[in-house]
C-alpha cells in the first residue's frame, strides 16, 4: 500500500535537507583544500624557494672564488 502524501513530502524534505547539508560540507572541504594547495604552491614556488643561503653566497664570492672566475682580476692589460 502506498504511503500518505504528507509522509512522502516529509521524507522528501528530509532527504533534500541531508543532500544540502552534504553539499555544504563538501563545499567547505573543497575550499579548505584549495586554501592548503595555494599555501603549498606559495611555499614551493614563492619567496622561500628563491632564498639563497648567505653562507653559500659568501663561498661563491670570496676572494679565491673570484680569482678562479676572473684570473686577470686586479692586473692591468
Foldseek 3Di string as FASTA:
>chain_A
DDDDPVVVVVVVVVVVVVVVVVVVVVVVVVVVVVVVVVVVCCCCVHPVVVDDDPVVVCVCDPPVNVCVVPVCPPHDD
